[in-house]
Amino acid sequence: MLDFGSTLFHPLSSIKNIELPKLFTYPFYYEPHELSILAAKHLQTYLEKQNDFEHNFGLDPNKKGLKIGKMFGVMVVKNAEGVLGFLAAFSGKLAESNYLKGFVPTVYDTLDKKGFYKKGEAKLNAFNRQIKLLEADASLKEAKYYLENSINQYKKELAQFKHKIKEEKKKRKALREEALNKLAIDDYKILDETLKKQSIYFHFRLKDLKKEWDSKIEEAKINLKERLQPLNKLKEERSTLSASLQKRLHQHYRFLNAKGEVKDLLDIFKTTSNPIPPAGSGECAAPKLFQYAYENNLKPIAMSEFWWGVSPKSQVRKHQQFYPSCRSKCEPILGHMMKGLQVEENPIAKEMAYKQPLEIVYEDDYLLLVNKPHEFLSVPGKRIKESVLSRMRHYLPKAKGPLLVHRLDMSTSGLLLVAKNEKTHKRLQKQFIDRTIKKRYVALLDGEIIQKEGIIDLPLRVDLDNRPQQLVCYNYGKPAKTKYKIISIENKKTRIYFYPITGRTHQLRVHAAHANGLNIPILGDDLYGVKGDRLHLHAELLQFTHPVTNEALEIICKPPF
């Protein structure tokens, strides 16, 4: 077993026939280099057998306590003598510690009891205790209750009095109507004056009621304000201390790059869309690996990160599977840290070279259906302009309106519905909104499914740390339902029909891969599974009513896999 305690530079053996990569790994979209895979296997062997620390990854069913999986990273490096080895790191804390033997240290240790952060945290906790005591004070609760009760009582009395005014007004009106035919003119005038005085009386009584309660409520507000003053002062002091502590912490996270330049978190994030660094910035495995390599004159060669343990409830994470670095926290940091390195080009930024004409499966005077190729955009993106929409605008130069009635993910192939005029587009779109259009996808899953059919119901929202990936979220997610039916199982792969009831981003991909879904990703899924030659997901069938002829159409486009 790998001796992890002796050094942080772990030599790599059995690498004679492995060619070094020409460029360093692009960390946000990559296939791990053979050296990275070898380093990861060394680390995984250690994790399987180690007894240096205690942490429940959820892999042992007999182990008690909270089950938490973890992201680990390995960086293949070359030392000053030209020897290849690797560094290991974990994201965040592990076993309630920032320092474990064999793993590179954190950039700044927030757990150091003698450090400013722990001391500041102790002061914040003292503030929290004081605030909690004041919030529980009986006189404060009484003042809040008195104000709330006064407002409610005022509303009640006001409503009752207004109702009484309305009823009295009805009575006066009835008296006038009755007296008009019974009383002499002079007697009627006397009655009318009396009734007017009654109306004036109620008007002034209403003003008195409002004035009386305004005074009581204002008194209650002043009383509550006095009780809240010491509490608000403490909260203000806590807020000031927290902001100061956070700023100082961000300044202590100082990152090197290959050029020897140093920037702290505030410098790194000040040019981003959100200049305030997200919580946990700098605590991921990748920045730790880079920092240690630069500080110790080690040349970065390749890097990869893998998940170890059970998946979180929200994300799709598979044990031992490789994953890219997170974007919201790591992209700005690594953008700085990789300066001076020769790094692989971002493959997503490359223009998709699809020279053939798009296959048109069906066409008439009002609409058409096109077979979108995989890894081809439905609509132009930020960097890539070539898309089905741009091709259709060229193919239909006289067509007006949005053209595309719906979209498919870039990696998904299959049927896309195109309207040739605005009226047709609106009518077809209404069918999508009303969910009268029937869609069927065919997919190949990277494993075997036992249950033959069913419905997956997992609400989804965007992963703010890793757009455009999606999370399962019961608090803020949008409803997402998918019906499925197994077609066949061959060579340990499952061919399946998906019938999406809703149409969320990446819905079928997440519902397939998530632990509470089918728990088996679609073959070739580079976001939720293992990257392959393509994502084996194809929009095969569309059933809809023709918006002009009212004919029931069923268009099928068989998958290329």
Protein backbone atom coordinates (compact mmCIF):
# COMPACT_ATOMS: atom_id res chain seq x y z
CA MET A 1 0.00 0.00 0.00
CA LEU A 2 1.08 3.54 -0.73
CA ASP A 3 2.86 5.06 2.29
CA PHE A 4 0.91 8.29 2.51
CA GLY A 5 2.43 9.61 5.67
CA SER A 6 6.05 9.92 4.62
CA THR A 7 5.77 12.74 2.07
CA LEU A 8 3.38 14.99 0.15
CA PHE A 9 5.21 14.25 -3.11
CA HIS A 10 4.16 10.71 -4.03
CA PRO A 11 6.44 9.13 -6.68
CA LEU A 12 4.74 7.41 -9.63
CA SER A 13 5.94 3.99 -10.72
CA SER A 14 5.21 1.92 -13.87
CA ILE A 15 5.14 4.94 -16.17
CA LYS A 16 7.87 4.03 -18.69
CA ASN A 17 5.49 3.59 -21.62
CA ILE A 18 3.24 6.53 -20.76
CA GLU A 19 3.80 9.67 -22.84
CA LEU A 20 3.64 12.98 -21.00
CA PRO A 21 0.81 15.32 -22.02
CA LYS A 22 1.89 18.27 -24.15
CA LEU A 23 -0.57 20.60 -22.41
CA PHE A 24 -1.90 20.82 -18.86
CA THR A 25 -5.45 19.61 -18.23
CA TYR A 26 -8.25 22.09 -18.93
CA PRO A 27 -9.93 21.58 -15.52
CA PHE A 28 -13.54 22.42 -16.44
CA TYR A 29 -14.00 19.88 -19.23
CA TYR A 30 -11.51 17.07 -19.70
CA GLU A 31 -10.79 13.40 -20.14
CA PRO A 32 -8.24 12.40 -17.48
CA HIS A 33 -4.75 11.67 -18.78
CA GLU A 34 -3.34 8.18 -18.23
CA LEU A 35 -0.95 9.58 -15.62
CA SER A 36 -3.83 11.21 -13.73
CA ILE A 37 -5.76 7.95 -13.78
CA LEU A 38 -2.72 6.12 -12.40
CA ALA A 39 -2.30 8.73 -9.64
CA ALA A 40 -6.01 8.53 -8.81
CA LYS A 41 -5.79 4.72 -8.52
CA HIS A 42 -2.89 5.08 -6.06
CA LEU A 43 -4.95 7.47 -3.94
CA GLN A 44 -8.09 5.30 -4.15
CA THR A 45 -6.11 2.26 -3.03
CA TYR A 46 -4.98 4.25 0.00
CA LEU A 47 -8.53 5.45 0.76
CA GLU A 48 -9.84 1.89 0.62
CA LYS A 49 -7.32 0.60 3.19
CA GLN A 50 -6.29 3.60 5.31
CA ASN A 51 -6.82 3.92 9.05
CA ASP A 52 -5.12 7.31 9.45
CA PHE A 53 -8.39 9.22 9.84
CA GLU A 54 -12.04 8.50 10.58
CA HIS A 55 -14.72 9.62 8.11
CA ASN A 56 -17.95 7.95 7.01
CA PHE A 57 -18.02 8.08 3.20
CA GLY A 58 -21.17 5.93 3.20
CA LEU A 59 -19.42 2.95 1.59
CA ASP A 60 -19.64 0.69 4.65
CA PRO A 61 -23.31 -0.13 5.44
CA ASN A 62 -22.37 -1.07 8.99
CA LYS A 63 -20.71 2.24 9.77
CA LYS A 64 -22.79 4.62 11.89
CA GLY A 65 -23.05 8.37 11.63
CA LEU A 66 -23.63 10.95 8.91
CA LYS A 67 -22.64 9.69 5.45
CA ILE A 68 -20.73 12.30 3.44
CA GLY A 69 -19.01 11.69 0.10
CA LYS A 70 -16.01 13.82 -0.83
CA MET A 71 -14.24 15.24 -3.88
CA PHE A 72 -10.54 14.40 -4.11
CA GLY A 73 -7.96 15.74 -6.53
CA VAL A 74 -4.62 14.51 -7.84
CA MET A 75 -2.02 16.58 -9.69
CA VAL A 76 0.82 14.90 -11.54
CA VAL A 77 3.96 17.03 -11.08
CA LYS A 78 7.65 16.95 -11.92
CA ASN A 79 10.20 17.93 -9.25
CA ALA A 80 13.49 19.80 -9.72
CA GLU A 81 15.31 16.51 -10.37
CA GLY A 82 12.88 15.61 -13.17
CA VAL A 83 11.14 12.88 -11.16
CA LEU A 84 7.41 12.42 -11.75
CA GLY A 85 5.05 12.11 -8.83
CA PHE A 86 1.67 13.33 -7.73
CA LEU A 87 0.07 15.52 -5.08
CA ALA A 88 -3.24 14.71 -3.40
CA ALA A 89 -5.90 17.01 -1.98
CA PHE A 90 -9.48 16.95 -0.72
CA SER A 91 -12.12 19.63 -1.10
CA GLY A 92 -13.16 21.47 2.05
CA LYS A 93 -12.41 19.74 5.32
CA LEU A 94 -11.99 16.03 5.95
CA ALA A 95 -12.44 14.33 9.33
CA GLU A 96 -13.02 17.84 10.78
CA SER A 97 -9.50 18.83 9.79
CA ASN A 98 -7.65 20.89 7.17
CA TYR A 99 -4.44 18.88 7.65
CA LEU A 100 -4.16 15.14 7.08
CA LYS A 101 -0.86 13.41 6.40
CA GLY A 102 -0.19 12.78 2.75
CA PHE A 103 -2.49 15.55 1.56
CA VAL A 104 -1.40 19.08 0.60
CA PRO A 105 -2.42 21.79 3.09
CA THR A 106 -5.14 24.36 2.68
CA VAL A 107 -4.21 27.81 1.36
CA TYR A 108 -5.31 29.34 4.67
CA ASP A 109 -6.22 27.37 7.79
CA THR A 110 -9.51 28.65 9.17
CA LEU A 111 -9.33 26.00 11.92
CA ASP A 112 -6.14 27.40 13.47
CA LYS A 113 -7.15 28.20 17.06
CA LYS A 114 -4.47 30.88 17.34
CA GLY A 115 -5.41 32.50 14.02
CA PHE A 116 -7.47 35.68 13.64
CA TYR A 117 -10.38 33.81 12.04
CA LYS A 118 -11.01 31.48 14.98
CA LYS A 119 -10.68 34.39 17.40
CA GLY A 120 -13.11 36.45 15.33
CA GLU A 121 -15.45 33.49 15.10
CA ALA A 122 -15.40 33.21 18.91
CA LYS A 123 -16.41 36.89 19.15
CA LEU A 124 -19.22 36.33 16.66
CA ASN A 125 -20.44 33.36 18.68
CA ALA A 126 -20.40 35.56 21.81
CA PHE A 127 -22.52 38.12 19.94
CA ASN A 128 -24.90 35.35 18.87
CA ARG A 129 -25.33 34.19 22.46
CA GLN A 130 -26.05 37.74 23.67
CA ILE A 131 -28.48 38.32 20.82
CA LYS A 132 -30.26 35.06 21.56
CA LEU A 133 -30.66 36.04 25.22
CA LEU A 134 -32.06 39.47 24.33
CA GLU A 135 -34.45 37.99 21.75
CA ALA A 136 -35.78 35.66 24.44
CA ASP A 137 -36.29 38.52 26.94
CA ALA A 138 -39.85 38.56 28.33
CA SER A 139 -40.21 42.36 28.15
CA LEU A 140 -39.32 42.33 24.44
CA LYS A 141 -41.83 39.59 23.73
CA GLU A 142 -44.43 41.53 25.70
CA ALA A 143 -43.71 44.73 23.75
CA LYS A 144 -44.02 42.87 20.43
CA TYR A 145 -47.26 41.26 21.56
CA TYR A 146 -48.69 44.58 22.77
CA LEU A 147 -47.96 46.27 19.43
CA GLU A 148 -49.31 43.39 17.39
CA ASN A 149 -52.38 43.09 19.60
CA SER A 150 -52.99 46.86 19.42
CA ILE A 151 -52.87 46.81 15.61
CA ASN A 152 -55.21 43.81 15.44
CA GLN A 153 -57.64 45.35 17.98
CA TYR A 154 -57.63 48.63 16.04
CA LYS A 155 -58.42 46.82 12.78
CA LYS A 156 -61.22 44.92 14.50
CA GLU A 157 -62.81 48.01 16.10
CA LEU A 158 -62.39 50.03 12.92
CA ALA A 159 -64.11 47.34 10.85
CA GLN A 160 -66.94 47.09 13.37
CA PHE A 161 -67.43 50.87 13.51
CA LYS A 162 -67.38 51.21 9.72
CA HIS A 163 -69.98 48.47 9.53
CA LYS A 164 -72.09 50.37 12.08
CA ILE A 165 -71.73 53.61 10.05
CA LYS A 166 -72.91 51.74 6.96
CA GLU A 167 -75.92 50.29 8.77
CA GLU A 168 -76.86 53.69 10.30
CA LYS A 169 -76.62 55.27 6.88
CA LYS A 170 -79.08 52.70 5.53
CA LYS A 171 -81.47 53.47 8.42
CA ARG A 172 -81.27 57.22 7.77
CA LYS A 173 -81.95 56.68 4.12
CA ALA A 174 -84.97 54.53 4.91
CA LEU A 175 -86.28 57.16 7.38
CA ARG A 176 -85.96 59.91 4.75
CA GLU A 177 -87.79 57.85 2.14
CA GLU A 178 -90.58 56.99 4.59
CA ALA A 179 -90.89 60.57 5.95
CA LEU A 180 -90.97 62.11 2.47
CA ASN A 181 -94.54 60.94 1.90
CA LYS A 182 -95.80 61.20 5.52
CA LEU A 183 -94.41 64.41 7.01
CA ALA A 184 -95.12 68.00 6.21
CA ILE A 185 -92.29 69.96 4.57
CA ASP A 186 -91.27 71.75 7.78
CA ASP A 187 -91.33 68.54 9.80
CA TYR A 188 -89.33 66.77 7.09
CA LYS A 189 -86.69 69.55 7.20
CA ILE A 190 -86.36 69.16 10.99
CA LEU A 191 -85.93 65.37 10.59
CA ASP A 192 -83.41 65.83 7.79
CA GLU A 193 -81.31 68.19 9.94
CA THR A 194 -81.36 65.71 12.78
CA LEU A 195 -80.23 62.91 10.47
CA LYS A 196 -77.44 65.11 9.07
CA LYS A 197 -76.19 65.76 12.59
CA GLN A 198 -76.16 62.01 13.20
CA SER A 199 -74.05 61.55 10.05
CA ILE A 200 -71.65 64.27 11.19
CA TYR A 201 -71.47 62.65 14.63
CA PHE A 202 -70.39 59.30 13.18
CA HIS A 203 -67.88 61.05 10.90
CA PHE A 204 -66.19 62.75 13.86
CA ARG A 205 -66.45 59.64 16.01
CA LEU A 206 -64.56 57.72 13.27
CA LYS A 207 -61.82 60.38 13.32
CA ASP A 208 -61.66 60.15 17.11
CA LEU A 209 -61.35 56.36 16.93
CA LYS A 210 -58.47 56.58 14.44
CA LYS A 211 -56.73 59.28 16.48
CA GLU A 212 -57.13 57.33 19.70
CA TRP A 213 -55.68 54.14 18.21
CA ASP A 214 -52.92 56.00 16.33
CA SER A 215 -51.79 57.31 19.68
CA LYS A 216 -51.90 53.87 21.33
CA ILE A 217 -50.07 52.20 18.42
CA GLU A 218 -47.41 54.92 18.30
CA GLU A 219 -46.87 54.47 22.02
CA ALA A 220 -46.51 50.70 21.49
CA LYS A 221 -44.02 51.29 18.66
CA ILE A 222 -41.90 53.62 20.81
CA ASN A 223 -41.95 51.07 23.62
CA LEU A 224 -40.86 48.27 21.25
CA LYS A 225 -38.17 50.47 19.69
CA GLU A 226 -36.69 51.15 23.13
CA ARG A 227 -36.64 47.42 23.86
CA LEU A 228 -35.04 46.70 20.46
CA GLN A 229 -32.29 49.30 20.70
CA PRO A 230 -29.73 47.17 22.59
CA LEU A 231 -30.58 44.17 20.38
CA ASN A 232 -30.21 46.15 17.13
CA LYS A 233 -26.95 47.64 18.38
CA LEU A 234 -25.57 44.17 19.01
CA LYS A 235 -26.73 42.99 15.57
CA GLU A 236 -25.09 45.99 13.93
CA GLU A 237 -21.83 45.31 15.78
CA ARG A 238 -22.05 41.65 14.78
CA SER A 239 -22.64 42.59 11.15
CA THR A 240 -19.66 44.98 11.14
CA LEU A 241 -17.41 42.36 12.72
CA SER A 242 -18.62 39.66 10.31
CA ALA A 243 -17.98 41.86 7.24
CA SER A 244 -14.54 42.83 8.55
CA LEU A 245 -13.69 39.21 9.34
CA GLN A 246 -14.86 38.04 5.90
CA LYS A 247 -12.83 40.73 4.13
CA ARG A 248 -9.72 39.88 6.12
CA LEU A 249 -10.25 36.18 5.39
CA HIS A 250 -10.52 36.87 1.65
CA GLN A 251 -7.28 38.85 1.84
CA HIS A 252 -5.51 35.92 3.52
CA TYR A 253 -6.44 33.54 0.70
CA ARG A 254 -3.49 34.46 -1.55
CA PHE A 255 -2.92 32.43 -4.69
CA LEU A 256 0.21 32.00 -6.78
CA ASN A 257 0.42 31.30 -10.49
CA ALA A 258 3.13 29.87 -12.76
CA LYS A 259 4.52 33.37 -13.32
CA GLY A 260 5.04 33.87 -9.58
CA GLU A 261 2.26 36.47 -9.38
CA VAL A 262 0.09 36.61 -6.25
CA LYS A 263 -3.56 37.63 -5.96
CA ASP A 264 -6.01 37.36 -3.08
CA LEU A 265 -9.67 36.40 -3.43
CA LEU A 266 -10.85 40.03 -3.55
CA ASP A 267 -8.43 40.80 -6.41
CA ILE A 268 -9.44 37.66 -8.30
CA PHE A 269 -13.21 38.15 -8.04
CA LYS A 270 -13.38 41.95 -8.43
CA THR A 271 -13.65 41.70 -12.24
CA THR A 272 -16.31 38.95 -12.20
CA SER A 273 -20.08 39.45 -12.38
CA ASN A 274 -20.20 38.91 -8.60
CA PRO A 275 -17.20 40.63 -6.94
CA ILE A 276 -17.98 38.98 -3.57
CA PRO A 277 -16.26 35.56 -3.50
CA PRO A 278 -18.74 32.69 -2.91
CA ALA A 279 -18.55 30.88 0.42
CA GLY A 280 -15.85 28.23 0.40
CA SER A 281 -13.81 29.84 -2.40
CA GLY A 282 -10.27 28.49 -2.39
CA GLU A 283 -11.19 25.40 -0.38
CA CYS A 284 -11.60 23.07 -3.35
CA ALA A 285 -8.92 20.48 -4.18
CA ALA A 286 -7.61 22.16 -7.35
CA PRO A 287 -6.43 25.51 -5.83
CA LYS A 288 -4.74 23.61 -2.99
CA LEU A 289 -2.84 21.45 -5.49
CA PHE A 290 -1.67 24.40 -7.59
CA GLN A 291 -0.62 26.39 -4.53
CA TYR A 292 1.51 23.60 -3.08
CA ALA A 293 3.10 22.85 -6.46
CA TYR A 294 4.14 26.49 -6.99
CA GLU A 295 5.37 26.94 -3.41
CA ASN A 296 7.57 23.86 -3.71
CA ASN A 297 8.98 24.34 -7.21
CA LEU A 298 6.99 21.46 -8.70
CA LYS A 299 5.88 21.67 -12.33
CA PRO A 300 2.16 20.82 -12.92
CA ILE A 301 1.79 18.16 -15.66
CA ALA A 302 -1.83 16.94 -15.43
CA MET A 303 -4.74 16.97 -12.99
CA SER A 304 -8.02 15.23 -12.30
CA GLU A 305 -10.67 15.16 -9.58
CA PHE A 306 -12.86 12.24 -8.53
CA TRP A 307 -15.74 11.60 -6.17
CA TRP A 308 -15.36 9.16 -3.28
CA GLY A 309 -18.40 7.87 -1.39
CA VAL A 310 -22.15 8.23 -1.52
CA SER A 311 -23.75 10.86 -3.72
CA PRO A 312 -25.24 14.01 -2.18
CA LYS A 313 -29.04 14.14 -2.24
CA SER A 314 -29.14 16.98 -4.76
CA GLN A 315 -26.24 16.34 -7.14
CA VAL A 316 -25.36 13.44 -9.39
CA ARG A 317 -22.08 12.06 -8.06
CA LYS A 318 -20.85 8.51 -8.68
CA HIS A 319 -18.25 6.78 -6.53
CA GLN A 320 -14.73 6.86 -8.13
CA GLN A 321 -15.95 8.84 -11.15
CA PHE A 322 -13.94 11.81 -12.47
CA TYR A 323 -15.49 15.29 -12.44
CA PRO A 324 -14.48 18.79 -13.59
CA SER A 325 -13.64 21.61 -11.19
CA CYS A 326 -16.59 23.72 -10.04
CA ARG A 327 -17.11 26.90 -12.04
CA SER A 328 -18.52 29.55 -9.67
CA LYS A 329 -15.72 29.20 -7.11
CA CYS A 330 -12.82 27.72 -9.06
CA GLU A 331 -13.03 29.23 -12.53
CA PRO A 332 -11.85 32.73 -11.50
CA ILE A 333 -9.22 31.31 -9.11
CA LEU A 334 -7.81 28.75 -11.54
CA GLY A 335 -7.96 31.31 -14.34
CA HIS A 336 -5.36 33.25 -12.33
CA MET A 337 -3.40 30.20 -11.12
CA MET A 338 -2.98 28.69 -14.61
CA LYS A 339 -1.38 31.83 -16.06
CA GLY A 340 2.08 30.90 -17.29
CA LEU A 341 1.06 27.27 -17.94
CA GLN A 342 0.41 25.78 -21.38
CA VAL A 343 -3.19 24.59 -20.92
CA GLU A 344 -5.48 22.58 -23.19
CA GLU A 345 -8.03 24.60 -25.13
CA ASN A 346 -11.59 24.65 -23.81
CA PRO A 347 -13.25 22.03 -26.07
CA ILE A 348 -16.69 23.55 -25.52
CA ALA A 349 -15.52 26.85 -27.01
CA LYS A 350 -14.56 25.19 -30.29
CA GLU A 351 -16.86 25.86 -33.23
CA MET A 352 -18.80 22.69 -34.12
CA ALA A 353 -17.80 21.65 -37.62
CA TYR A 354 -20.96 20.19 -39.18
CA LYS A 355 -20.72 20.74 -42.90
CA GLN A 356 -23.57 18.54 -44.14
CA PRO A 357 -27.06 19.97 -44.76
CA LEU A 358 -29.50 19.29 -41.93
CA GLU A 359 -31.78 16.34 -42.57
CA ILE A 360 -35.40 17.45 -43.04
CA VAL A 361 -37.67 14.60 -41.97
CA TYR A 362 -41.00 16.27 -42.90
CA GLU A 363 -41.97 19.52 -44.62
CA ASP A 364 -45.07 21.30 -45.91
CA ASP A 365 -46.07 24.91 -46.58
CA TYR A 366 -46.46 25.73 -42.87
CA LEU A 367 -43.87 23.76 -40.91
CA LEU A 368 -41.04 21.29 -41.04
CA LEU A 369 -39.23 18.86 -38.76
CA VAL A 370 -35.46 18.66 -38.81
CA ASN A 371 -33.18 15.96 -37.40
CA LYS A 372 -30.75 17.91 -35.18
CA PRO A 373 -27.29 16.33 -34.99
CA HIS A 374 -25.76 15.62 -31.58
CA GLU A 375 -23.33 18.27 -30.24
CA PHE A 376 -25.06 20.89 -32.39
CA LEU A 377 -26.84 23.89 -30.88
CA SER A 378 -30.57 24.50 -31.32
CA VAL A 379 -30.03 28.29 -31.11
CA PRO A 380 -26.81 30.36 -31.23
CA GLY A 381 -24.78 30.43 -28.02
CA LYS A 382 -22.50 33.07 -26.51
CA ARG A 383 -19.43 31.85 -28.41
CA ILE A 384 -20.81 29.48 -31.07
CA LYS A 385 -23.21 30.99 -33.61
CA GLU A 386 -23.74 27.97 -35.88
CA SER A 387 -27.05 26.33 -34.92
CA VAL A 388 -30.29 24.85 -36.22
CA LEU A 389 -31.87 28.31 -36.01
CA SER A 390 -29.11 29.96 -38.05
CA ARG A 391 -29.35 27.17 -40.64
CA MET A 392 -33.15 27.53 -40.80
CA ARG A 393 -32.94 31.31 -41.26
CA HIS A 394 -30.71 30.64 -44.26
CA TYR A 395 -32.98 27.83 -45.54
CA LEU A 396 -36.17 29.91 -45.05
CA PRO A 397 -35.07 33.50 -45.84
CA LYS A 398 -38.66 34.76 -46.24
CA ALA A 399 -40.02 33.11 -43.09
CA LYS A 400 -41.15 35.37 -40.25
CA GLY A 401 -41.32 34.75 -36.53
CA PRO A 402 -39.16 32.78 -34.07
CA LEU A 403 -39.08 29.63 -36.33
CA LEU A 404 -38.07 27.08 -33.64
CA VAL A 405 -41.05 25.96 -31.58
CA HIS A 406 -38.92 24.17 -28.95
CA ARG A 407 -35.28 23.22 -28.29
CA LEU A 408 -33.08 20.24 -27.61
CA ASP A 409 -29.93 20.13 -25.47
CA MET A 410 -26.75 20.56 -27.49
CA SER A 411 -25.71 16.93 -26.89
CA THR A 412 -29.14 15.48 -27.76
CA SER A 413 -30.02 14.58 -31.33
CA GLY A 414 -33.43 14.22 -32.93
CA LEU A 415 -36.62 15.95 -34.00
CA LEU A 416 -36.99 19.72 -33.83
CA LEU A 417 -40.20 21.40 -34.93
CA VAL A 418 -39.89 24.54 -37.08
CA ALA A 419 -42.75 26.93 -37.93
CA LYS A 420 -42.58 28.91 -41.19
CA ASN A 421 -44.72 31.81 -39.98
CA GLU A 422 -45.68 33.48 -36.72
CA LYS A 423 -49.29 32.25 -36.69
CA THR A 424 -48.21 28.63 -37.09
CA HIS A 425 -45.56 29.12 -34.39
CA LYS A 426 -48.13 30.42 -31.87
CA ARG A 427 -50.54 27.55 -32.54
CA LEU A 428 -47.81 24.91 -32.20
CA GLN A 429 -46.36 26.56 -29.10
CA LYS A 430 -49.82 26.48 -27.49
CA GLN A 431 -49.87 22.72 -27.98
CA PHE A 432 -46.55 22.51 -26.11
CA ILE A 433 -47.88 24.75 -23.32
CA ASP A 434 -51.08 22.68 -23.07
CA ARG A 435 -48.95 19.51 -23.17
CA THR A 436 -51.01 18.01 -25.97
CA ILE A 437 -47.87 17.31 -28.02
CA LYS A 438 -46.54 13.83 -27.33
CA LYS A 439 -42.75 13.34 -27.27
CA ARG A 440 -40.75 10.14 -27.13
CA TYR A 441 -37.01 9.89 -26.64
CA VAL A 442 -34.89 6.81 -26.98
CA ALA A 443 -31.74 6.43 -24.89
CA LEU A 444 -29.06 3.89 -24.11
CA LEU A 445 -28.25 3.65 -20.39
CA ASP A 446 -24.79 2.69 -19.16
CA GLY A 447 -26.05 -0.25 -17.12
CA GLU A 448 -29.02 -2.53 -16.49
CA ILE A 449 -32.44 -1.50 -15.14
CA ILE A 450 -34.60 -4.04 -13.32
CA GLN A 451 -37.95 -2.21 -13.24
CA LYS A 452 -39.60 -2.35 -16.66
CA GLU A 453 -41.52 0.92 -16.51
CA GLY A 454 -42.44 3.75 -14.16
CA ILE A 455 -42.51 7.49 -13.50
CA ILE A 456 -39.62 9.57 -12.13
CA ASP A 457 -40.65 12.65 -10.16
CA LEU A 458 -37.63 14.76 -9.13
CA PRO A 459 -37.89 18.61 -9.10
CA LEU A 460 -34.96 20.39 -10.73
CA ARG A 461 -33.15 23.71 -10.53
CA VAL A 462 -29.88 24.98 -11.98
CA ASP A 463 -26.66 24.24 -10.07
CA LEU A 464 -25.47 27.79 -9.36
CA ASP A 465 -21.89 26.53 -8.87
CA ASN A 466 -21.82 24.58 -12.13
CA ARG A 467 -24.10 26.02 -14.80
CA PRO A 468 -25.76 24.58 -16.87
CA GLN A 469 -25.86 21.44 -14.73
CA GLN A 470 -29.04 20.80 -12.77
CA LEU A 471 -29.72 19.78 -9.16
CA VAL A 472 -32.59 17.89 -7.57
CA CYS A 473 -34.13 20.40 -5.17
CA TYR A 474 -37.41 19.93 -3.29
CA ASN A 475 -37.36 23.47 -1.86
CA TYR A 476 -36.78 25.60 -4.96
CA GLY A 477 -36.83 23.19 -7.89
CA LYS A 478 -39.46 23.24 -10.64
CA PRO A 479 -41.64 20.13 -11.01
CA ALA A 480 -40.09 17.58 -13.37
CA LYS A 481 -41.74 14.26 -14.31
CA THR A 482 -40.64 11.56 -16.75
CA LYS A 483 -42.38 8.36 -17.76
CA TYR A 484 -40.11 5.55 -18.93
CA LYS A 485 -40.36 2.07 -20.44
CA ILE A 486 -37.57 -0.46 -21.00
CA ILE A 487 -37.17 -1.67 -24.60
CA SER A 488 -34.33 -4.17 -24.21
CA ILE A 489 -31.11 -5.00 -22.35
CA GLU A 490 -28.04 -6.00 -24.37
CA ASN A 491 -24.35 -6.16 -23.44
CA LYS A 492 -25.16 -4.73 -19.98
CA LYS A 493 -26.70 -1.63 -21.60
CA THR A 494 -30.40 -0.71 -21.34
CA ARG A 495 -32.34 0.67 -24.30
CA ILE A 496 -35.17 2.75 -22.95
CA TYR A 497 -38.04 5.01 -24.01
CA PHE A 498 -38.45 8.31 -22.16
CA TYR A 499 -41.77 10.19 -22.27
CA PRO A 500 -41.16 13.62 -20.66
CA ILE A 501 -44.29 14.96 -18.96
CA THR A 502 -42.51 18.25 -18.28
CA GLY A 503 -39.66 19.80 -20.23
CA ARG A 504 -36.90 20.97 -17.85
CA THR A 505 -33.27 21.51 -18.83
CA HIS A 506 -31.33 18.19 -18.69
CA GLN A 507 -34.45 16.52 -17.26
CA LEU A 508 -33.93 13.10 -18.85
CA ARG A 509 -30.19 13.11 -18.14
CA VAL A 510 -30.63 13.90 -14.42
CA HIS A 511 -33.62 11.57 -13.99
CA ALA A 512 -31.56 8.75 -15.47
CA ALA A 513 -28.37 9.39 -13.48
CA HIS A 514 -29.63 10.56 -10.07
CA ALA A 515 -29.60 8.10 -7.17
CA ASN A 516 -33.35 8.67 -6.61
CA GLY A 517 -34.07 8.30 -10.33
CA LEU A 518 -32.86 5.31 -12.34
CA ASN A 519 -29.37 5.65 -10.81
CA ILE A 520 -27.75 4.81 -14.17
CA PRO A 521 -26.56 7.62 -16.46
CA ILE A 522 -27.18 7.78 -20.17
CA LEU A 523 -24.25 6.30 -22.08
CA GLY A 524 -21.74 9.00 -23.05
CA ASP A 525 -23.17 11.67 -20.73
CA ASP A 526 -20.23 14.01 -20.10
CA LEU A 527 -22.05 15.93 -17.33
CA TYR A 528 -23.79 13.24 -15.28
CA GLY A 529 -21.98 10.09 -16.37
CA VAL A 530 -18.83 9.17 -18.29
CA LYS A 531 -17.89 10.97 -21.51
CA GLY A 532 -18.06 8.84 -24.65
CA ASP A 533 -18.23 9.30 -28.41
CA ARG A 534 -21.66 10.92 -27.96
CA LEU A 535 -24.63 11.26 -25.62
CA HIS A 536 -26.91 8.34 -26.48
CA LEU A 537 -30.15 10.31 -26.26
CA HIS A 538 -32.36 10.96 -29.29
CA ALA A 539 -35.73 12.70 -29.73
CA GLU A 540 -37.35 9.99 -31.82
CA LEU A 541 -41.05 10.80 -32.05
CA LEU A 542 -43.40 13.80 -32.10
CA GLN A 543 -47.21 13.54 -32.17
CA PHE A 544 -49.17 16.77 -32.70
CA THR A 545 -52.11 18.32 -34.48
CA HIS A 546 -51.30 20.20 -37.66
CA PRO A 547 -52.09 23.87 -36.86
CA VAL A 548 -53.73 24.50 -40.26
CA THR A 549 -55.18 21.22 -41.55
CA ASN A 550 -56.02 19.83 -38.06
CA GLU A 551 -54.53 16.53 -39.23
CA ALA A 552 -53.05 14.29 -36.52
CA LEU A 553 -49.35 13.92 -37.36
CA GLU A 554 -46.90 11.34 -36.01
CA ILE A 555 -43.32 11.91 -37.16
CA ILE A 556 -40.61 9.36 -36.34
CA CYS A 557 -36.85 9.74 -36.75
CA LYS A 558 -34.94 6.60 -35.78
CA PRO A 559 -31.80 7.01 -33.59
CA PRO A 560 -28.36 6.51 -35.12
CA PHE A 561 -27.35 4.16 -32.28
